[in-house]
């Protein structure tokens, strides 16, 4: 399993507020997409996955109508 720094942002839906909630954590998983599917199990989910250089993975998700962005960077 690989170890990643996970940064995820939740877009604020309030009008006139451009701020986002941003969270940081370290996770250990074999596949970031599968990890996220398990983490968000039971929710209405749409994913778009971008694999970058060096093993980084960016996942744009719509979770129960909220736009979220997850960036997995190998440690």
PDB file of N, CA and C in Angstrom:
ATOM      1  N   UNK A   1       0.827  -1.188   0.000  1.00  0.00           N
ATOM      2  CA  UNK A   1       0.000   0.000   0.000  1.00  0.00           C
ATOM      3  C   UNK A   1       0.868   1.246   0.000  1.00  0.00           C
ATOM      4  N   UNK A   2       0.381   2.269  -0.644  1.00  0.00           N
ATOM      5  CA  UNK A   2       1.103   3.543  -0.711  1.00  0.00           C
ATOM      6  C   UNK A   2       0.564   4.505   0.341  1.00  0.00           C
ATOM      7  N   UNK A   3       1.395   5.433   0.726  1.00  0.00           N
ATOM      8  CA  UNK A   3       0.997   6.449   1.687  1.00  0.00           C
ATOM      9  C   UNK A   3       0.868   7.782   0.953  1.00  0.00           C
ATOM     10  N   UNK A   4      -0.224   8.490   1.218  1.00  0.00           N
ATOM     11  CA  UNK A   4      -0.519   9.741   0.527  1.00  0.00           C
ATOM     12  C   UNK A   4      -0.838  10.856   1.517  1.00  0.00           C
ATOM     13  N   UNK A   5      -0.513  12.075   1.104  1.00  0.00           N
ATOM     14  CA  UNK A   5      -1.076  13.249   1.762  1.00  0.00           C
ATOM     15  C   UNK A   5      -2.357  13.541   0.989  1.00  0.00           C
ATOM     16  N   UNK A   6      -3.460  13.637   1.696  1.00  0.00           N
ATOM     17  CA  UNK A   6      -4.749  13.922   1.076  1.00  0.00           C
ATOM     18  C   UNK A   6      -5.175  15.334   1.442  1.00  0.00           C
ATOM     19  N   UNK A   7      -5.434  16.122   0.416  1.00  0.00           N
ATOM     20  CA  UNK A   7      -5.981  17.469   0.609  1.00  0.00           C
ATOM     21  C   UNK A   7      -7.342  17.458  -0.058  1.00  0.00           C
ATOM     22  N   UNK A   8      -8.390  17.789   0.700  1.00  0.00           N
ATOM     23  CA  UNK A   8      -9.692  17.847   0.049  1.00  0.00           C
ATOM     24  C   UNK A   8     -10.407  19.149   0.363  1.00  0.00           C
ATOM     25  N   UNK A   9     -11.080  19.634  -0.669  1.00  0.00           N
ATOM     26  CA  UNK A   9     -11.781  20.914  -0.607  1.00  0.00           C
ATOM     27  C   UNK A   9     -13.257  20.684  -0.847  1.00  0.00           C
ATOM     28  N   UNK A  10     -14.063  21.364  -0.083  1.00  0.00           N
ATOM     29  CA  UNK A  10     -15.505  21.333  -0.286  1.00  0.00           C
ATOM     30  C   UNK A  10     -15.923  22.750  -0.664  1.00  0.00           C
ATOM     31  N   UNK A  11     -16.500  22.873  -1.839  1.00  0.00           N
ATOM     32  CA  UNK A  11     -16.907  24.187  -2.330  1.00  0.00           C
ATOM     33  C   UNK A  11     -18.084  24.709  -1.508  1.00  0.00           C
ATOM     34  N   UNK A  12     -18.000  25.982  -1.125  1.00  0.00           N
ATOM     35  CA  UNK A  12     -19.063  26.620  -0.358  1.00  0.00           C
ATOM     36  C   UNK A  12     -20.183  27.044  -1.303  1.00  0.00           C
ATOM     37  N   UNK A  13     -21.408  26.625  -1.029  1.00  0.00           N
ATOM     38  CA  UNK A  13     -22.547  26.935  -1.896  1.00  0.00           C
ATOM     39  C   UNK A  13     -23.244  28.249  -1.552  1.00  0.00           C
ATOM     40  N   UNK A  14     -22.809  28.915  -0.494  1.00  0.00           N
ATOM     41  CA  UNK A  14     -23.436  30.175  -0.110  1.00  0.00           C
ATOM     42  C   UNK A  14     -23.073  31.265  -1.116  1.00  0.00           C
ATOM     43  N   UNK A  15     -24.054  32.023  -1.535  1.00  0.00           N
ATOM     44  CA  UNK A  15     -23.785  33.119  -2.476  1.00  0.00           C
ATOM     45  C   UNK A  15     -22.870  34.146  -1.832  1.00  0.00           C
ATOM     46  N   UNK A  16     -22.071  34.782  -2.660  1.00  0.00           N
ATOM     47  CA  UNK A  16     -21.139  35.835  -2.245  1.00  0.00           C
ATOM     48  C   UNK A  16     -20.068  35.350  -1.274  1.00  0.00           C
ATOM     49  N   UNK A  17     -19.863  34.047  -1.181  1.00  0.00           N
ATOM     50  CA  UNK A  17     -18.814  33.496  -0.333  1.00  0.00           C
ATOM     51  C   UNK A  17     -17.966  32.578  -1.192  1.00  0.00           C
ATOM     52  N   UNK A  18     -16.764  33.001  -1.533  1.00  0.00           N
ATOM     53  CA  UNK A  18     -15.893  32.239  -2.415  1.00  0.00           C
ATOM     54  C   UNK A  18     -14.942  31.324  -1.651  1.00  0.00           C
ATOM     55  N   UNK A  19     -15.044  31.293  -0.326  1.00  0.00           N
ATOM     56  CA  UNK A  19     -14.154  30.467   0.483  1.00  0.00           C
ATOM     57  C   UNK A  19     -14.518  28.998   0.333  1.00  0.00           C
ATOM     58  N   UNK A  20     -13.542  28.142   0.585  1.00  0.00           N
ATOM     59  CA  UNK A  20     -13.749  26.691   0.558  1.00  0.00           C
ATOM     60  C   UNK A  20     -13.302  26.125   1.891  1.00  0.00           C
ATOM     61  N   UNK A  21     -13.913  25.025   2.282  1.00  0.00           N
ATOM     62  CA  UNK A  21     -13.422  24.285   3.434  1.00  0.00           C
ATOM     63  C   UNK A  21     -12.298  23.397   2.914  1.00  0.00           C
ATOM     64  N   UNK A  22     -11.130  23.460   3.533  1.00  0.00           N
ATOM     65  CA  UNK A  22      -9.966  22.689   3.095  1.00  0.00           C
ATOM     66  C   UNK A  22      -9.470  21.855   4.275  1.00  0.00           C
ATOM     67  N   UNK A  23      -9.246  20.554   4.017  1.00  0.00           N
ATOM     68  CA  UNK A  23      -8.822  19.622   5.049  1.00  0.00           C
ATOM     69  C   UNK A  23      -7.574  18.869   4.580  1.00  0.00           C
ATOM     70  N   UNK A  24      -6.709  18.505   5.520  1.00  0.00           N
ATOM     71  CA  UNK A  24      -5.481  17.772   5.239  1.00  0.00           C
ATOM     72  C   UNK A  24      -5.436  16.531   6.120  1.00  0.00           C
ATOM     73  N   UNK A  25      -4.973  15.417   5.544  1.00  0.00           N
ATOM     74  CA  UNK A  25      -4.753  14.216   6.337  1.00  0.00           C
ATOM     75  C   UNK A  25      -3.810  13.283   5.586  1.00  0.00           C
ATOM     76  N   UNK A  26      -3.280  12.302   6.288  1.00  0.00           N
ATOM     77  CA  UNK A  26      -2.445  11.282   5.659  1.00  0.00           C
ATOM     78  C   UNK A  26      -3.250  10.001   5.605  1.00  0.00           C
ATOM     79  N   UNK A  27      -3.228   9.332   4.438  1.00  0.00           N
ATOM     80  CA  UNK A  27      -3.959   8.087   4.279  1.00  0.00           C
ATOM     81  C   UNK A  27      -3.043   7.041   3.650  1.00  0.00           C
ATOM     82  N   UNK A  28      -3.347   5.789   3.917  1.00  0.00           N
ATOM     83  CA  UNK A  28      -2.616   4.678   3.322  1.00  0.00           C
ATOM     84  C   UNK A  28      -3.633   3.837   2.550  1.00  0.00           C
ATOM     85  N   UNK A  29      -3.390   3.664   1.248  1.00  0.00           N
ATOM     86  CA  UNK A  29      -4.317   2.901   0.421  1.00  0.00           C
ATOM     87  C   UNK A  29      -3.605   2.393  -0.826  1.00  0.00           C
ATOM     88  N   UNK A  30      -4.179   1.364  -1.443  1.00  0.00           N
ATOM     89  CA  UNK A  30      -3.611   0.816  -2.667  1.00  0.00           C
ATOM     90  C   UNK A  30      -4.071   1.602  -3.890  1.00  0.00           C
ATOM     91  N   UNK A  31      -5.311   2.089  -3.865  1.00  0.00           N
ATOM     92  CA  UNK A  31      -5.885   2.803  -5.004  1.00  0.00           C
ATOM     93  C   UNK A  31      -6.734   3.971  -4.498  1.00  0.00           C
ATOM     94  N   UNK A  32      -6.318   5.220  -4.762  1.00  0.00           N
ATOM     95  CA  UNK A  32      -7.054   6.375  -4.264  1.00  0.00           C
ATOM     96  C   UNK A  32      -8.530   6.403  -4.692  1.00  0.00           C
ATOM     97  N   UNK A  33      -8.815   6.008  -5.926  1.00  0.00           N
ATOM     98  CA  UNK A  33     -10.216   6.032  -6.381  1.00  0.00           C
ATOM     99  C   UNK A  33     -11.062   5.048  -5.574  1.00  0.00           C
ATOM    100  N   UNK A  34     -10.563   3.842  -5.377  1.00  0.00           N
ATOM    101  CA  UNK A  34     -11.307   2.846  -4.597  1.00  0.00           C
ATOM    102  C   UNK A  34     -11.430   3.279  -3.142  1.00  0.00           C
ATOM    103  N   UNK A  35     -10.369   3.877  -2.598  1.00  0.00           N
ATOM    104  CA  UNK A  35     -10.407   4.403  -1.228  1.00  0.00           C
ATOM    105  C   UNK A  35     -11.536   5.416  -1.081  1.00  0.00           C
ATOM    106  N   UNK A  36     -11.637   6.317  -2.044  1.00  0.00           N
ATOM    107  CA  UNK A  36     -12.662   7.359  -1.986  1.00  0.00           C
ATOM    108  C   UNK A  36     -14.063   6.770  -2.138  1.00  0.00           C
ATOM    109  N   UNK A  37     -14.223   5.793  -3.022  1.00  0.00           N
ATOM    110  CA  UNK A  37     -15.533   5.134  -3.178  1.00  0.00           C
ATOM    111  C   UNK A  37     -15.967   4.470  -1.865  1.00  0.00           C
ATOM    112  N   UNK A  38     -15.039   3.850  -1.156  1.00  0.00           N
ATOM    113  CA  UNK A  38     -15.363   3.228   0.127  1.00  0.00           C
ATOM    114  C   UNK A  38     -15.657   4.282   1.191  1.00  0.00           C
ATOM    115  N   UNK A  39     -14.888   5.337   1.190  1.00  0.00           N
ATOM    116  CA  UNK A  39     -15.063   6.416   2.171  1.00  0.00           C
ATOM    117  C   UNK A  39     -16.430   7.090   2.019  1.00  0.00           C
ATOM    118  N   UNK A  40     -16.897   7.201   0.777  1.00  0.00           N
ATOM    119  CA  UNK A  40     -18.161   7.894   0.504  1.00  0.00           C
ATOM    120  C   UNK A  40     -19.302   6.921   0.189  1.00  0.00           C
ATOM    121  N   UNK A  41     -19.155   5.680   0.591  1.00  0.00           N
ATOM    122  CA  UNK A  41     -20.172   4.661   0.325  1.00  0.00           C
ATOM    123  C   UNK A  41     -21.532   5.101   0.872  1.00  0.00           C
ATOM    124  N   UNK A  42     -22.575   4.828   0.102  1.00  0.00           N
ATOM    125  CA  UNK A  42     -23.928   5.165   0.519  1.00  0.00           C
ATOM    126  C   UNK A  42     -24.373   6.550   0.079  1.00  0.00           C
ATOM    127  N   UNK A  43     -23.493   7.308  -0.535  1.00  0.00           N
ATOM    128  CA  UNK A  43     -23.836   8.648  -1.006  1.00  0.00           C
ATOM    129  C   UNK A  43     -23.972   8.633  -2.524  1.00  0.00           C
ATOM    130  N   UNK A  44     -24.758   9.554  -3.047  1.00  0.00           N
ATOM    131  CA  UNK A  44     -24.873   9.724  -4.503  1.00  0.00           C
ATOM    132  C   UNK A  44     -23.555  10.334  -4.972  1.00  0.00           C
ATOM    133  N   UNK A  45     -22.875   9.674  -5.916  1.00  0.00           N
ATOM    134  CA  UNK A  45     -21.491  10.004  -6.200  1.00  0.00           C
ATOM    135  C   UNK A  45     -21.206  10.005  -7.696  1.00  0.00           C
ATOM    136  N   UNK A  46     -20.511  11.053  -8.160  1.00  0.00           N
ATOM    137  CA  UNK A  46     -19.985  11.132  -9.523  1.00  0.00           C
ATOM    138  C   UNK A  46     -18.510  11.498  -9.395  1.00  0.00           C
ATOM    139  N   UNK A  47     -17.629  10.719 -10.056  1.00  0.00           N
ATOM    140  CA  UNK A  47     -16.189  10.955  -9.946  1.00  0.00           C
ATOM    141  C   UNK A  47     -15.561  11.209 -11.304  1.00  0.00           C
ATOM    142  N   UNK A  48     -14.546  12.076 -11.303  1.00  0.00           N
ATOM    143  CA  UNK A  48     -13.707  12.319 -12.466  1.00  0.00           C
ATOM    144  C   UNK A  48     -12.268  12.236 -11.968  1.00  0.00           C
ATOM    145  N   UNK A  49     -11.478  11.313 -12.530  1.00  0.00           N
ATOM    146  CA  UNK A  49     -10.134  11.041 -12.020  1.00  0.00           C
ATOM    147  C   UNK A  49      -9.075  11.535 -13.001  1.00  0.00           C
ATOM    148  N   UNK A  50      -8.073  12.249 -12.477  1.00  0.00           N
ATOM    149  CA  UNK A  50      -6.925  12.705 -13.266  1.00  0.00           C
ATOM    150  C   UNK A  50      -5.665  12.159 -12.607  1.00  0.00           C
ATOM    151  N   UNK A  51      -4.885  11.413 -13.353  1.00  0.00           N
ATOM    152  CA  UNK A  51      -3.630  10.877 -12.824  1.00  0.00           C
ATOM    153  C   UNK A  51      -2.480  11.743 -13.325  1.00  0.00           C
ATOM    154  N   UNK A  52      -1.703  12.268 -12.389  1.00  0.00           N
ATOM    155  CA  UNK A  52      -0.608  13.162 -12.747  1.00  0.00           C
ATOM    156  C   UNK A  52       0.739  12.467 -12.680  1.00  0.00           C
ATOM    157  N   UNK A  53       1.765  13.234 -12.870  1.00  0.00           N
ATOM    158  CA  UNK A  53       3.125  12.693 -12.812  1.00  0.00           C
ATOM    159  C   UNK A  53       3.512  12.402 -11.367  1.00  0.00           C
ATOM    160  N   UNK A  54       4.400  11.458 -11.195  1.00  0.00           N
ATOM    161  CA  UNK A  54       4.899  11.142  -9.860  1.00  0.00           C
ATOM    162  C   UNK A  54       3.903  10.416  -8.983  1.00  0.00           C
ATOM    163  N   UNK A  55       2.799   9.917  -9.544  1.00  0.00           N
ATOM    164  CA  UNK A  55       1.819   9.161  -8.772  1.00  0.00           C
ATOM    165  C   UNK A  55       0.720   9.987  -8.145  1.00  0.00           C
ATOM    166  N   UNK A  56       0.703  11.287  -8.372  1.00  0.00           N
ATOM    167  CA  UNK A  56      -0.363  12.131  -7.819  1.00  0.00           C
ATOM    168  C   UNK A  56      -1.685  11.819  -8.511  1.00  0.00           C
ATOM    169  N   UNK A  57      -2.768  11.864  -7.750  1.00  0.00           N
ATOM    170  CA  UNK A  57      -4.104  11.607  -8.274  1.00  0.00           C
ATOM    171  C   UNK A  57      -5.033  12.713  -7.793  1.00  0.00           C
ATOM    172  N   UNK A  58      -5.742  13.340  -8.731  1.00  0.00           N
ATOM    173  CA  UNK A  58      -6.737  14.348  -8.396  1.00  0.00           C
ATOM    174  C   UNK A  58      -8.101  13.799  -8.768  1.00  0.00           C
ATOM    175  N   UNK A  59      -9.019  13.830  -7.821  1.00  0.00           N
ATOM    176  CA  UNK A  59     -10.366  13.328  -8.062  1.00  0.00           C
ATOM    177  C   UNK A  59     -11.350  14.460  -7.795  1.00  0.00           C
ATOM    178  N   UNK A  60     -12.111  14.797  -8.828  1.00  0.00           N
ATOM    179  CA  UNK A  60     -13.195  15.768  -8.694  1.00  0.00           C
ATOM    180  C   UNK A  60     -14.459  14.955  -8.455  1.00  0.00           C
ATOM    181  N   UNK A  61     -15.187  15.287  -7.416  1.00  0.00           N
ATOM    182  CA  UNK A  61     -16.358  14.498  -7.044  1.00  0.00           C
ATOM    183  C   UNK A  61     -17.561  15.399  -6.824  1.00  0.00           C
ATOM    184  N   UNK A  62     -18.711  14.890  -7.196  1.00  0.00           N
ATOM    185  CA  UNK A  62     -19.981  15.507  -6.812  1.00  0.00           C
ATOM    186  C   UNK A  62     -20.609  14.514  -5.840  1.00  0.00           C
ATOM    187  N   UNK A  63     -20.725  14.931  -4.586  1.00  0.00           N
ATOM    188  CA  UNK A  63     -21.186  14.055  -3.514  1.00  0.00           C
ATOM    189  C   UNK A  63     -22.505  14.604  -2.982  1.00  0.00           C
ATOM    190  N   UNK A  64     -23.581  13.895  -3.280  1.00  0.00           N
ATOM    191  CA  UNK A  64     -24.911  14.349  -2.873  1.00  0.00           C
ATOM    192  C   UNK A  64     -25.150  15.803  -3.266  1.00  0.00           C
ATOM    193  N   UNK A  65     -24.669  16.189  -4.455  1.00  0.00           N
ATOM    194  CA  UNK A  65     -24.897  17.526  -4.987  1.00  0.00           C
ATOM    195  C   UNK A  65     -23.834  18.548  -4.640  1.00  0.00           C
ATOM    196  N   UNK A  66     -22.885  18.229  -3.759  1.00  0.00           N
ATOM    197  CA  UNK A  66     -21.811  19.161  -3.396  1.00  0.00           C
ATOM    198  C   UNK A  66     -20.558  18.855  -4.212  1.00  0.00           C
ATOM    199  N   UNK A  67     -19.891  19.888  -4.712  1.00  0.00           N
ATOM    200  CA  UNK A  67     -18.659  19.714  -5.467  1.00  0.00           C
ATOM    201  C   UNK A  67     -17.482  19.638  -4.507  1.00  0.00           C
ATOM    202  N   UNK A  68     -16.690  18.566  -4.633  1.00  0.00           N
ATOM    203  CA  UNK A  68     -15.532  18.367  -3.778  1.00  0.00           C
ATOM    204  C   UNK A  68     -14.333  17.995  -4.642  1.00  0.00           C
ATOM    205  N   UNK A  69     -13.149  18.342  -4.171  1.00  0.00           N
ATOM    206  CA  UNK A  69     -11.916  18.019  -4.882  1.00  0.00           C
ATOM    207  C   UNK A  69     -10.974  17.320  -3.905  1.00  0.00           C
ATOM    208  N   UNK A  70     -10.437  16.163  -4.327  1.00  0.00           N
ATOM    209  CA  UNK A  70      -9.528  15.365  -3.523  1.00  0.00           C
ATOM    210  C   UNK A  70      -8.206  15.236  -4.265  1.00  0.00           C
ATOM    211  N   UNK A  71      -7.109  15.610  -3.617  1.00  0.00           N
ATOM    212  CA  UNK A  71      -5.785  15.518  -4.231  1.00  0.00           C
ATOM    213  C   UNK A  71      -4.933  14.579  -3.370  1.00  0.00           C
ATOM    214  N   UNK A  72      -4.539  13.459  -3.971  1.00  0.00           N
ATOM    215  CA  UNK A  72      -3.692  12.464  -3.305  1.00  0.00           C
ATOM    216  C   UNK A  72      -2.277  12.648  -3.834  1.00  0.00           C
ATOM    217  N   UNK A  73      -1.333  12.974  -2.944  1.00  0.00           N
ATOM    218  CA  UNK A  73       0.064  13.161  -3.318  1.00  0.00           C
ATOM    219  C   UNK A  73       0.905  12.140  -2.562  1.00  0.00           C
ATOM    220  N   UNK A  74       1.673  11.317  -3.283  1.00  0.00           N
ATOM    221  CA  UNK A  74       2.499  10.317  -2.582  1.00  0.00           C
ATOM    222  C   UNK A  74       3.479  10.967  -1.611  1.00  0.00           C
ATOM    223  N   UNK A  75       3.657  10.304  -0.495  1.00  0.00           N
ATOM    224  CA  UNK A  75       4.613  10.792   0.522  1.00  0.00           C
ATOM    225  C   UNK A  75       5.907  10.021   0.378  1.00  0.00           C
TER     226      UNK A  75
END
